Amino acid sequence: MSRELFTLADRIKSLRERTGITQAETARQLGISRSGVNAWEMGLSVPSTQYIIELAKIFDVSTDYLLGMENTSSISIKGLTQKQVSVLLDTIECFKEINEKK
């Protein structure tokens, strides 16, 4: 999916699925109904500023990333060895080089 088409709804759903939590669990953490989270993911409604901030905290991303203002994300390297971190960084650089050649 291109950057331009990756909406807030897409990002919320993708991040939620990546973290392995259900809509119901996301809703519980936010103190709202599951149908509210579902409506965000379907693009039927948009979370308020308060919920944008809370979603960013839950998914460990910036609000700018969540809103599509930046195309960077962060990953936690907690619990990884230095060698594993090095492999990840090398892989990222490899992908960047491939993309630059396109």
PDB file of N, CA and C in Angstrom:
ATOM      1  N   MET A   1       0.846  -1.164   0.000  1.00  0.00           N
ATOM      2  CA  MET A   1       0.000   0.000   0.000  1.00  0.00           C
ATOM      3  C   MET A   1       0.897   1.234   0.000  1.00  0.00           C
ATOM      4  N   SER A   2       0.612   2.190  -0.845  1.00  0.00           N
ATOM      5  CA  SER A   2       1.461   3.375  -0.915  1.00  0.00           C
ATOM      6  C   SER A   2       1.235   4.256   0.301  1.00  0.00           C
ATOM      7  N   ARG A   3       2.209   5.108   0.559  1.00  0.00           N
ATOM      8  CA  ARG A   3       2.125   5.997   1.709  1.00  0.00           C
ATOM      9  C   ARG A   3       0.876   6.854   1.670  1.00  0.00           C
ATOM     10  N   GLU A   4       0.533   7.351   0.486  1.00  0.00           N
ATOM     11  CA  GLU A   4      -0.595   8.256   0.358  1.00  0.00           C
ATOM     12  C   GLU A   4      -1.916   7.576   0.710  1.00  0.00           C
ATOM     13  N   LEU A   5      -2.008   6.276   0.479  1.00  0.00           N
ATOM     14  CA  LEU A   5      -3.250   5.556   0.709  1.00  0.00           C
ATOM     15  C   LEU A   5      -3.319   4.925   2.088  1.00  0.00           C
ATOM     16  N   PHE A   6      -2.249   5.023   2.853  1.00  0.00           N
ATOM     17  CA  PHE A   6      -2.214   4.401   4.173  1.00  0.00           C
ATOM     18  C   PHE A   6      -2.853   5.366   5.163  1.00  0.00           C
ATOM     19  N   THR A   7      -4.129   5.182   5.413  1.00  0.00           N
ATOM     20  CA  THR A   7      -4.905   6.105   6.229  1.00  0.00           C
ATOM     21  C   THR A   7      -4.725   5.853   7.722  1.00  0.00           C
ATOM     22  N   LEU A   8      -5.266   6.751   8.497  1.00  0.00           N
ATOM     23  CA  LEU A   8      -5.272   6.577   9.950  1.00  0.00           C
ATOM     24  C   LEU A   8      -5.944   5.256  10.311  1.00  0.00           C
ATOM     25  N   ALA A   9      -7.054   4.950   9.661  1.00  0.00           N
ATOM     26  CA  ALA A   9      -7.757   3.691   9.928  1.00  0.00           C
ATOM     27  C   ALA A   9      -6.844   2.500   9.663  1.00  0.00           C
ATOM     28  N   ASP A  10      -6.120   2.544   8.536  1.00  0.00           N
ATOM     29  CA  ASP A  10      -5.194   1.465   8.194  1.00  0.00           C
ATOM     30  C   ASP A  10      -4.093   1.329   9.241  1.00  0.00           C
ATOM     31  N   ARG A  11      -3.560   2.458   9.672  1.00  0.00           N
ATOM     32  CA  ARG A  11      -2.467   2.429  10.647  1.00  0.00           C
ATOM     33  C   ARG A  11      -2.934   1.858  11.980  1.00  0.00           C
ATOM     34  N   ILE A  12      -4.115   2.271  12.425  1.00  0.00           N
ATOM     35  CA  ILE A  12      -4.627   1.753  13.699  1.00  0.00           C
ATOM     36  C   ILE A  12      -4.776   0.232  13.618  1.00  0.00           C
ATOM     37  N   LYS A  13      -5.406  -0.244  12.559  1.00  0.00           N
ATOM     38  CA  LYS A  13      -5.617  -1.682  12.412  1.00  0.00           C
ATOM     39  C   LYS A  13      -4.293  -2.430  12.304  1.00  0.00           C
ATOM     40  N   SER A  14      -3.390  -1.913  11.479  1.00  0.00           N
ATOM     41  CA  SER A  14      -2.098  -2.566  11.282  1.00  0.00           C
ATOM     42  C   SER A  14      -1.301  -2.633  12.578  1.00  0.00           C
ATOM     43  N   LEU A  15      -1.245  -1.530  13.296  1.00  0.00           N
ATOM     44  CA  LEU A  15      -0.499  -1.501  14.554  1.00  0.00           C
ATOM     45  C   LEU A  15      -1.135  -2.423  15.589  1.00  0.00           C
ATOM     46  N   ARG A  16      -2.456  -2.429  15.640  1.00  0.00           N
ATOM     47  CA  ARG A  16      -3.143  -3.300  16.602  1.00  0.00           C
ATOM     48  C   ARG A  16      -2.843  -4.765  16.290  1.00  0.00           C
ATOM     49  N   GLU A  17      -2.938  -5.119  15.016  1.00  0.00           N
ATOM     50  CA  GLU A  17      -2.669  -6.506  14.632  1.00  0.00           C
ATOM     51  C   GLU A  17      -1.211  -6.870  14.867  1.00  0.00           C
ATOM     52  N   ARG A  18      -0.307  -5.927  14.595  1.00  0.00           N
ATOM     53  CA  ARG A  18       1.117  -6.187  14.802  1.00  0.00           C
ATOM     54  C   ARG A  18       1.432  -6.447  16.271  1.00  0.00           C
ATOM     55  N   THR A  19       0.714  -5.756  17.163  1.00  0.00           N
ATOM     56  CA  THR A  19       0.954  -5.966  18.593  1.00  0.00           C
ATOM     57  C   THR A  19       0.217  -7.191  19.117  1.00  0.00           C
ATOM     58  N   GLY A  20      -0.667  -7.762  18.296  1.00  0.00           N
ATOM     59  CA  GLY A  20      -1.353  -8.981  18.680  1.00  0.00           C
ATOM     60  C   GLY A  20      -2.471  -8.797  19.690  1.00  0.00           C
ATOM     61  N   ILE A  21      -3.056  -7.601  19.721  1.00  0.00           N
ATOM     62  CA  ILE A  21      -4.182  -7.413  20.638  1.00  0.00           C
ATOM     63  C   ILE A  21      -5.475  -7.258  19.842  1.00  0.00           C
ATOM     64  N   THR A  22      -6.554  -7.619  20.464  1.00  0.00           N
ATOM     65  CA  THR A  22      -7.857  -7.564  19.821  1.00  0.00           C
ATOM     66  C   THR A  22      -8.437  -6.156  19.890  1.00  0.00           C
ATOM     67  N   GLN A  23      -9.488  -5.954  19.105  1.00  0.00           N
ATOM     68  CA  GLN A  23     -10.208  -4.684  19.207  1.00  0.00           C
ATOM     69  C   GLN A  23     -10.766  -4.515  20.619  1.00  0.00           C
ATOM     70  N   ALA A  24     -11.258  -5.610  21.185  1.00  0.00           N
ATOM     71  CA  ALA A  24     -11.826  -5.546  22.537  1.00  0.00           C
ATOM     72  C   ALA A  24     -10.775  -5.137  23.567  1.00  0.00           C
ATOM     73  N   GLU A  25      -9.566  -5.679  23.444  1.00  0.00           N
ATOM     74  CA  GLU A  25      -8.492  -5.323  24.383  1.00  0.00           C
ATOM     75  C   GLU A  25      -8.079  -3.865  24.191  1.00  0.00           C
ATOM     76  N   THR A  26      -7.978  -3.429  22.941  1.00  0.00           N
ATOM     77  CA  THR A  26      -7.650  -2.022  22.669  1.00  0.00           C
ATOM     78  C   THR A  26      -8.703  -1.121  23.298  1.00  0.00           C
ATOM     79  N   ALA A  27      -9.960  -1.479  23.095  1.00  0.00           N
ATOM     80  CA  ALA A  27     -11.058  -0.692  23.659  1.00  0.00           C
ATOM     81  C   ALA A  27     -10.984  -0.655  25.178  1.00  0.00           C
ATOM     82  N   ARG A  28     -10.693  -1.801  25.791  1.00  0.00           N
ATOM     83  CA  ARG A  28     -10.590  -1.861  27.252  1.00  0.00           C
ATOM     84  C   ARG A  28      -9.501  -0.924  27.758  1.00  0.00           C
ATOM     85  N   GLN A  29      -8.352  -0.937  27.073  1.00  0.00           N
ATOM     86  CA  GLN A  29      -7.240  -0.071  27.484  1.00  0.00           C
ATOM     87  C   GLN A  29      -7.610   1.408  27.367  1.00  0.00           C
ATOM     88  N   LEU A  30      -8.479   1.724  26.412  1.00  0.00           N
ATOM     89  CA  LEU A  30      -8.870   3.116  26.184  1.00  0.00           C
ATOM     90  C   LEU A  30     -10.134   3.519  26.946  1.00  0.00           C
ATOM     91  N   GLY A  31     -10.837   2.529  27.504  1.00  0.00           N
ATOM     92  CA  GLY A  31     -12.071   2.822  28.231  1.00  0.00           C
ATOM     93  C   GLY A  31     -13.231   3.154  27.314  1.00  0.00           C
ATOM     94  N   ILE A  32     -13.244   2.536  26.118  1.00  0.00           N
ATOM     95  CA  ILE A  32     -14.324   2.750  25.161  1.00  0.00           C
ATOM     96  C   ILE A  32     -14.882   1.394  24.726  1.00  0.00           C
ATOM     97  N   SER A  33     -15.882   1.415  23.856  1.00  0.00           N
ATOM     98  CA  SER A  33     -16.465   0.164  23.370  1.00  0.00           C
ATOM     99  C   SER A  33     -15.649  -0.405  22.210  1.00  0.00           C
ATOM    100  N   ARG A  34     -15.757  -1.714  22.017  1.00  0.00           N
ATOM    101  CA  ARG A  34     -15.086  -2.368  20.895  1.00  0.00           C
ATOM    102  C   ARG A  34     -15.593  -1.803  19.578  1.00  0.00           C
ATOM    103  N   SER A  35     -16.878  -1.480  19.520  1.00  0.00           N
ATOM    104  CA  SER A  35     -17.436  -0.936  18.283  1.00  0.00           C
ATOM    105  C   SER A  35     -16.814   0.420  17.939  1.00  0.00           C
ATOM    106  N   GLY A  36     -16.365   1.148  18.956  1.00  0.00           N
ATOM    107  CA  GLY A  36     -15.673   2.417  18.703  1.00  0.00           C
ATOM    108  C   GLY A  36     -14.349   2.190  17.995  1.00  0.00           C
ATOM    109  N   VAL A  37     -13.588   1.204  18.449  1.00  0.00           N
ATOM    110  CA  VAL A  37     -12.319   0.857  17.800  1.00  0.00           C
ATOM    111  C   VAL A  37     -12.591   0.350  16.392  1.00  0.00           C
ATOM    112  N   ASN A  38     -13.615  -0.476  16.238  1.00  0.00           N
ATOM    113  CA  ASN A  38     -13.976  -0.998  14.924  1.00  0.00           C
ATOM    114  C   ASN A  38     -14.318   0.142  13.961  1.00  0.00           C
ATOM    115  N   ALA A  39     -15.057   1.128  14.442  1.00  0.00           N
ATOM    116  CA  ALA A  39     -15.431   2.272  13.598  1.00  0.00           C
ATOM    117  C   ALA A  39     -14.191   3.046  13.149  1.00  0.00           C
ATOM    118  N   TRP A  40     -13.202   3.186  14.025  1.00  0.00           N
ATOM    119  CA  TRP A  40     -11.951   3.850  13.633  1.00  0.00           C
ATOM    120  C   TRP A  40     -11.257   3.058  12.541  1.00  0.00           C
ATOM    121  N   GLU A  41     -11.174   1.729  12.733  1.00  0.00           N
ATOM    122  CA  GLU A  41     -10.459   0.887  11.782  1.00  0.00           C
ATOM    123  C   GLU A  41     -11.163   0.817  10.426  1.00  0.00           C
ATOM    124  N   MET A  42     -12.468   0.998  10.427  1.00  0.00           N
ATOM    125  CA  MET A  42     -13.209   0.981   9.174  1.00  0.00           C
ATOM    126  C   MET A  42     -13.290   2.367   8.541  1.00  0.00           C
ATOM    127  N   GLY A  43     -12.771   3.369   9.231  1.00  0.00           N
ATOM    128  CA  GLY A  43     -12.802   4.732   8.709  1.00  0.00           C
ATOM    129  C   GLY A  43     -14.156   5.397   8.827  1.00  0.00           C
ATOM    130  N   LEU A  44     -15.034   4.855   9.682  1.00  0.00           N
ATOM    131  CA  LEU A  44     -16.358   5.429   9.864  1.00  0.00           C
ATOM    132  C   LEU A  44     -16.346   6.616  10.811  1.00  0.00           C
ATOM    133  N   SER A  45     -15.341   6.641  11.678  1.00  0.00           N
ATOM    134  CA  SER A  45     -15.150   7.773  12.583  1.00  0.00           C
ATOM    135  C   SER A  45     -13.658   7.925  12.831  1.00  0.00           C
ATOM    136  N   VAL A  46     -13.306   9.029  13.465  1.00  0.00           N
ATOM    137  CA  VAL A  46     -11.901   9.348  13.728  1.00  0.00           C
ATOM    138  C   VAL A  46     -11.730   9.568  15.227  1.00  0.00           C
ATOM    139  N   PRO A  47     -10.670   8.994  15.800  1.00  0.00           N
ATOM    140  CA  PRO A  47     -10.468   9.202  17.235  1.00  0.00           C
ATOM    141  C   PRO A  47     -10.163  10.664  17.558  1.00  0.00           C
ATOM    142  N   SER A  48     -10.593  11.073  18.735  1.00  0.00           N
ATOM    143  CA  SER A  48     -10.292  12.433  19.198  1.00  0.00           C
ATOM    144  C   SER A  48      -8.790  12.553  19.466  1.00  0.00           C
ATOM    145  N   THR A  49      -8.340  13.767  19.679  1.00  0.00           N
ATOM    146  CA  THR A  49      -6.934  14.018  19.980  1.00  0.00           C
ATOM    147  C   THR A  49      -6.481  13.202  21.187  1.00  0.00           C
ATOM    148  N   GLN A  50      -7.309  13.143  22.212  1.00  0.00           N
ATOM    149  CA  GLN A  50      -6.992  12.375  23.416  1.00  0.00           C
ATOM    150  C   GLN A  50      -6.717  10.917  23.061  1.00  0.00           C
ATOM    151  N   TYR A  51      -7.551  10.326  22.218  1.00  0.00           N
ATOM    152  CA  TYR A  51      -7.376   8.920  21.863  1.00  0.00           C
ATOM    153  C   TYR A  51      -6.205   8.705  20.898  1.00  0.00           C
ATOM    154  N   ILE A  52      -5.923   9.687  20.056  1.00  0.00           N
ATOM    155  CA  ILE A  52      -4.735   9.600  19.189  1.00  0.00           C
ATOM    156  C   ILE A  52      -3.490   9.464  20.070  1.00  0.00           C
ATOM    157  N   ILE A  53      -3.417  10.286  21.097  1.00  0.00           N
ATOM    158  CA  ILE A  53      -2.274  10.246  22.021  1.00  0.00           C
ATOM    159  C   ILE A  53      -2.210   8.896  22.732  1.00  0.00           C
ATOM    160  N   GLU A  54      -3.349   8.419  23.213  1.00  0.00           N
ATOM    161  CA  GLU A  54      -3.377   7.137  23.921  1.00  0.00           C
ATOM    162  C   GLU A  54      -3.020   5.975  22.992  1.00  0.00           C
ATOM    163  N   LEU A  55      -3.515   5.999  21.752  1.00  0.00           N
ATOM    164  CA  LEU A  55      -3.167   4.956  20.782  1.00  0.00           C
ATOM    165  C   LEU A  55      -1.667   4.953  20.506  1.00  0.00           C
ATOM    166  N   ALA A  56      -1.088   6.141  20.369  1.00  0.00           N
ATOM    167  CA  ALA A  56       0.352   6.237  20.136  1.00  0.00           C
ATOM    168  C   ALA A  56       1.130   5.608  21.298  1.00  0.00           C
ATOM    169  N   LYS A  57       0.670   5.828  22.510  1.00  0.00           N
ATOM    170  CA  LYS A  57       1.324   5.217  23.677  1.00  0.00           C
ATOM    171  C   LYS A  57       1.175   3.700  23.659  1.00  0.00           C
ATOM    172  N   ILE A  58      -0.037   3.225  23.382  1.00  0.00           N
ATOM    173  CA  ILE A  58      -0.290   1.782  23.367  1.00  0.00           C
ATOM    174  C   ILE A  58       0.583   1.092  22.328  1.00  0.00           C
ATOM    175  N   PHE A  59       0.683   1.691  21.130  1.00  0.00           N
ATOM    176  CA  PHE A  59       1.405   1.054  20.030  1.00  0.00           C
ATOM    177  C   PHE A  59       2.870   1.463  19.961  1.00  0.00           C
ATOM    178  N   ASP A  60       3.294   2.321  20.887  1.00  0.00           N
ATOM    179  CA  ASP A  60       4.688   2.756  20.966  1.00  0.00           C
ATOM    180  C   ASP A  60       5.173   3.387  19.658  1.00  0.00           C
ATOM    181  N   VAL A  61       4.352   4.311  19.136  1.00  0.00           N
ATOM    182  CA  VAL A  61       4.705   5.081  17.947  1.00  0.00           C
ATOM    183  C   VAL A  61       4.434   6.552  18.249  1.00  0.00           C
ATOM    184  N   SER A  62       4.918   7.427  17.384  1.00  0.00           N
ATOM    185  CA  SER A  62       4.627   8.846  17.572  1.00  0.00           C
ATOM    186  C   SER A  62       3.231   9.157  17.043  1.00  0.00           C
ATOM    187  N   THR A  63       2.655  10.232  17.538  1.00  0.00           N
ATOM    188  CA  THR A  63       1.362  10.661  17.002  1.00  0.00           C
ATOM    189  C   THR A  63       1.517  11.066  15.539  1.00  0.00           C
ATOM    190  N   ASP A  64       2.675  11.630  15.178  1.00  0.00           N
ATOM    191  CA  ASP A  64       2.927  11.978  13.773  1.00  0.00           C
ATOM    192  C   ASP A  64       2.875  10.743  12.889  1.00  0.00           C
ATOM    193  N   TYR A  65       3.469   9.652  13.347  1.00  0.00           N
ATOM    194  CA  TYR A  65       3.420   8.414  12.565  1.00  0.00           C
ATOM    195  C   TYR A  65       1.982   7.924  12.443  1.00  0.00           C
ATOM    196  N   LEU A  66       1.264   7.917  13.532  1.00  0.00           N
ATOM    197  CA  LEU A  66      -0.117   7.442  13.540  1.00  0.00           C
ATOM    198  C   LEU A  66      -0.978   8.256  12.571  1.00  0.00           C
ATOM    199  N   LEU A  67      -0.731   9.560  12.522  1.00  0.00           N
ATOM    200  CA  LEU A  67      -1.511  10.445  11.660  1.00  0.00           C
ATOM    201  C   LEU A  67      -0.985  10.507  10.223  1.00  0.00           C
ATOM    202  N   GLY A  68       0.111   9.814   9.950  1.00  0.00           N
ATOM    203  CA  GLY A  68       0.648   9.813   8.594  1.00  0.00           C
ATOM    204  C   GLY A  68       1.512  11.015   8.266  1.00  0.00           C
ATOM    205  N   MET A  69       1.930  11.746   9.289  1.00  0.00           N
ATOM    206  CA  MET A  69       2.760  12.936   9.076  1.00  0.00           C
ATOM    207  C   MET A  69       4.217  12.568   8.845  1.00  0.00           C
ATOM    208  N   GLU A  70       4.619  11.417   9.294  1.00  0.00           N
ATOM    209  CA  GLU A  70       5.970  10.936   9.057  1.00  0.00           C
ATOM    210  C   GLU A  70       5.879   9.470   8.707  1.00  0.00           C
ATOM    211  N   ASN A  71       6.833   9.007   7.963  1.00  0.00           N
ATOM    212  CA  ASN A  71       6.802   7.620   7.509  1.00  0.00           C
ATOM    213  C   ASN A  71       7.846   6.780   8.231  1.00  0.00           C
ATOM    214  N   THR A  72       8.088   7.123   9.477  1.00  0.00           N
ATOM    215  CA  THR A  72       9.032   6.332  10.255  1.00  0.00           C
ATOM    216  C   THR A  72       8.288   5.709  11.423  1.00  0.00           C
ATOM    217  N   SER A  73       8.780   4.596  11.832  1.00  0.00           N
ATOM    218  CA  SER A  73       8.209   3.891  12.965  1.00  0.00           C
ATOM    219  C   SER A  73       9.369   3.453  13.842  1.00  0.00           C
ATOM    220  N   SER A  74       9.078   3.051  15.027  1.00  0.00           N
ATOM    221  CA  SER A  74      10.144   2.563  15.890  1.00  0.00           C
ATOM    222  C   SER A  74       9.822   1.144  16.306  1.00  0.00           C
ATOM    223  N   ILE A  75      10.873   0.402  16.600  1.00  0.00           N
ATOM    224  CA  ILE A  75      10.701  -0.946  17.117  1.00  0.00           C
ATOM    225  C   ILE A  75      11.517  -1.048  18.394  1.00  0.00           C
ATOM    226  N   SER A  76      11.018  -1.845  19.294  1.00  0.00           N
ATOM    227  CA  SER A  76      11.739  -2.038  20.541  1.00  0.00           C
ATOM    228  C   SER A  76      12.792  -3.124  20.341  1.00  0.00           C
ATOM    229  N   ILE A  77      14.008  -2.836  20.769  1.00  0.00           N
ATOM    230  CA  ILE A  77      15.083  -3.826  20.685  1.00  0.00           C
ATOM    231  C   ILE A  77      15.372  -4.418  22.066  1.00  0.00           C
ATOM    232  N   LYS A  78      14.485  -4.109  23.003  1.00  0.00           N
ATOM    233  CA  LYS A  78      14.625  -4.619  24.360  1.00  0.00           C
ATOM    234  C   LYS A  78      14.657  -6.146  24.322  1.00  0.00           C
ATOM    235  N   GLY A  79      15.626  -6.719  24.980  1.00  0.00           N
ATOM    236  CA  GLY A  79      15.736  -8.161  25.057  1.00  0.00           C
ATOM    237  C   GLY A  79      16.537  -8.794  23.931  1.00  0.00           C
ATOM    238  N   LEU A  80      16.973  -7.991  22.968  1.00  0.00           N
ATOM    239  CA  LEU A  80      17.779  -8.520  21.871  1.00  0.00           C
ATOM    240  C   LEU A  80      19.258  -8.386  22.202  1.00  0.00           C
ATOM    241  N   THR A  81      20.043  -9.291  21.671  1.00  0.00           N
ATOM    242  CA  THR A  81      21.490  -9.190  21.848  1.00  0.00           C
ATOM    243  C   THR A  81      22.038  -8.132  20.904  1.00  0.00           C
ATOM    244  N   GLN A  82      23.266  -7.697  21.149  1.00  0.00           N
ATOM    245  CA  GLN A  82      23.900  -6.726  20.275  1.00  0.00           C
ATOM    246  C   GLN A  82      24.019  -7.278  18.857  1.00  0.00           C
ATOM    247  N   LYS A  83      24.301  -8.559  18.751  1.00  0.00           N
ATOM    248  CA  LYS A  83      24.409  -9.181  17.429  1.00  0.00           C
ATOM    249  C   LYS A  83      23.064  -9.149  16.704  1.00  0.00           C
ATOM    250  N   GLN A  84      21.979  -9.433  17.407  1.00  0.00           N
ATOM    251  CA  GLN A  84      20.651  -9.384  16.790  1.00  0.00           C
ATOM    252  C   GLN A  84      20.302  -7.970  16.339  1.00  0.00           C
ATOM    253  N   VAL A  85      20.648  -6.984  17.150  1.00  0.00           N
ATOM    254  CA  VAL A  85      20.411  -5.587  16.782  1.00  0.00           C
ATOM    255  C   VAL A  85      21.209  -5.242  15.532  1.00  0.00           C
ATOM    256  N   SER A  86      22.453  -5.685  15.481  1.00  0.00           N
ATOM    257  CA  SER A  86      23.299  -5.436  14.323  1.00  0.00           C
ATOM    258  C   SER A  86      22.701  -6.039  13.050  1.00  0.00           C
ATOM    259  N   VAL A  87      22.169  -7.251  13.157  1.00  0.00           N
ATOM    260  CA  VAL A  87      21.540  -7.902  12.001  1.00  0.00           C
ATOM    261  C   VAL A  87      20.328  -7.090  11.539  1.00  0.00           C
ATOM    262  N   LEU A  88      19.538  -6.604  12.479  1.00  0.00           N
ATOM    263  CA  LEU A  88      18.373  -5.786  12.126  1.00  0.00           C
ATOM    264  C   LEU A  88      18.798  -4.511  11.393  1.00  0.00           C
ATOM    265  N   LEU A  89      19.809  -3.839  11.918  1.00  0.00           N
ATOM    266  CA  LEU A  89      20.286  -2.611  11.285  1.00  0.00           C
ATOM    267  C   LEU A  89      20.830  -2.873   9.890  1.00  0.00           C
ATOM    268  N   ASP A  90      21.559  -3.968   9.714  1.00  0.00           N
ATOM    269  CA  ASP A  90      22.071  -4.339   8.391  1.00  0.00           C
ATOM    270  C   ASP A  90      20.918  -4.618   7.424  1.00  0.00           C
ATOM    271  N   THR A  91      19.889  -5.291   7.907  1.00  0.00           N
ATOM    272  CA  THR A  91      18.729  -5.603   7.072  1.00  0.00           C
ATOM    273  C   THR A  91      18.018  -4.331   6.631  1.00  0.00           C
ATOM    274  N   ILE A  92      17.860  -3.397   7.542  1.00  0.00           N
ATOM    275  CA  ILE A  92      17.222  -2.116   7.216  1.00  0.00           C
ATOM    276  C   ILE A  92      18.018  -1.392   6.139  1.00  0.00           C
ATOM    277  N   GLU A  93      19.327  -1.340   6.293  1.00  0.00           N
ATOM    278  CA  GLU A  93      20.168  -0.678   5.300  1.00  0.00           C
ATOM    279  C   GLU A  93      20.059  -1.361   3.937  1.00  0.00           C
ATOM    280  N   CYS A  94      19.983  -2.671   3.930  1.00  0.00           N
ATOM    281  CA  CYS A  94      19.830  -3.429   2.692  1.00  0.00           C
ATOM    282  C   CYS A  94      18.523  -3.044   1.996  1.00  0.00           C
ATOM    283  N   PHE A  95      17.433  -2.976   2.746  1.00  0.00           N
ATOM    284  CA  PHE A  95      16.147  -2.587   2.172  1.00  0.00           C
ATOM    285  C   PHE A  95      16.196  -1.163   1.616  1.00  0.00           C
ATOM    286  N   LYS A  96      16.848  -0.248   2.329  1.00  0.00           N
ATOM    287  CA  LYS A  96      16.968   1.123   1.852  1.00  0.00           C
ATOM    288  C   LYS A  96      17.726   1.180   0.523  1.00  0.00           C
ATOM    289  N   GLU A  97      18.808   0.422   0.426  1.00  0.00           N
ATOM    290  CA  GLU A  97      19.580   0.387  -0.813  1.00  0.00           C
ATOM    291  C   GLU A  97      18.756  -0.167  -1.970  1.00  0.00           C
ATOM    292  N   ILE A  98      18.002  -1.213  -1.710  1.00  0.00           N
ATOM    293  CA  ILE A  98      17.139  -1.797  -2.746  1.00  0.00           C
ATOM    294  C   ILE A  98      16.113  -0.773  -3.210  1.00  0.00           C
ATOM    295  N   ASN A  99      15.496  -0.070  -2.271  1.00  0.00           N
ATOM    296  CA  ASN A  99      14.476   0.918  -2.611  1.00  0.00           C
ATOM    297  C   ASN A  99      15.055   2.099  -3.378  1.00  0.00           C
ATOM    298  N   GLU A 100      16.272   2.483  -3.075  1.00  0.00           N
ATOM    299  CA  GLU A 100      16.898   3.594  -3.797  1.00  0.00           C
ATOM    300  C   GLU A 100      17.180   3.245  -5.246  1.00  0.00           C
ATOM    301  N   LYS A 101      17.384   1.970  -5.533  1.00  0.00           N
ATOM    302  CA  LYS A 101      17.666   1.536  -6.894  1.00  0.00           C
ATOM    303  C   LYS A 101      16.419   1.455  -7.750  1.00  0.00           C
ATOM    304  N   LYS A 102      15.262   1.467  -7.129  1.00  0.00           N
ATOM    305  CA  LYS A 102      14.003   1.350  -7.884  1.00  0.00           C
ATOM    306  C   LYS A 102      13.678   2.619  -8.603  1.00  0.00           C
TER     307      LYS A 102
END
